[in-house]
């Protein structure tokens, strides 16, 4: 099934180039690192919308109509009705998880789409149902590929290959959904595992109902690495957002690199009190700079 999703991303994706941030690199050798963990969107992949959910209203409406059509579904009425229901179901799920004690909730997009289609069916705005998980997943991918275009960051494969060739464990901690691994297959032609990411060091927020900037996934990674006798100080976490990436990584004791490679997704959060006084170990504007600092010839 991952191949099907990868093909959708491959078919609907177009090359993107990073837009310069204008932020100078701050580089230094970081000897002694044994593992490097990455964010995905805005770090390993260029995100054309900057962040998930930031496309314009008209673009989102057209994307939804096209996605439904691709899945053999016909919407009766304005797409904005469905988009409003989508946003409402996400908000309700967030509130429910917060009541259960989750500081930074994450949704499972398949469940959300099931609730959206059920709501539309109740209003006689769409026919069919109940929908299978495969149908819901296909709809989620068709919509995501249209509203959040992505493309591999320049130097992605060579950076990972250099780190791997020097014995560094590789992992992922990302706010993401079930289809995120398929993006690598669709756009790079390789699974995350083929790229060198350890299967036990891949943490995607939808799996846990918890997102960054919470530290839940980072703590899971720290525990897994401790079992391999790798201390937090021997781990580097790389991400494009001071709040979502640098802060939680620092809180569990990881070294940090702020990726300032694309203006659309770079988040310095200069007015955010939670990151006041926090400085990353590195600021890199190209992935090649990262591998140079870690390998330390």
Foldseek 3Di string as FASTA:
>chain_A
DLLVLLQLLLVLADDDAFDAAPDDWDFAADEQAAAEAEAPDPFFKDKPQLDPPNFDPVLLQVLLCVLCVVLVKHFADGSVVLVVLLVVLQVVLQVVVVVVPAPAFAAAQLVSQQVSVVVSVVVVGIDDDPDDSVSSVSSVSSSCSRRIHIAGHPPNLVLLVLCVVLNHAYAYAYADYPNVQSNCCNHVVDGPVRSRHDPQRYHYRNVPRHAPPPLVSVVSNQVVVVVVVRHQCSYEYEEQACGRTVLSSVVRPHAYEHERAHNSHHHPPPVDPSCVPPDGPIYHRGSVSVSCNHVVD
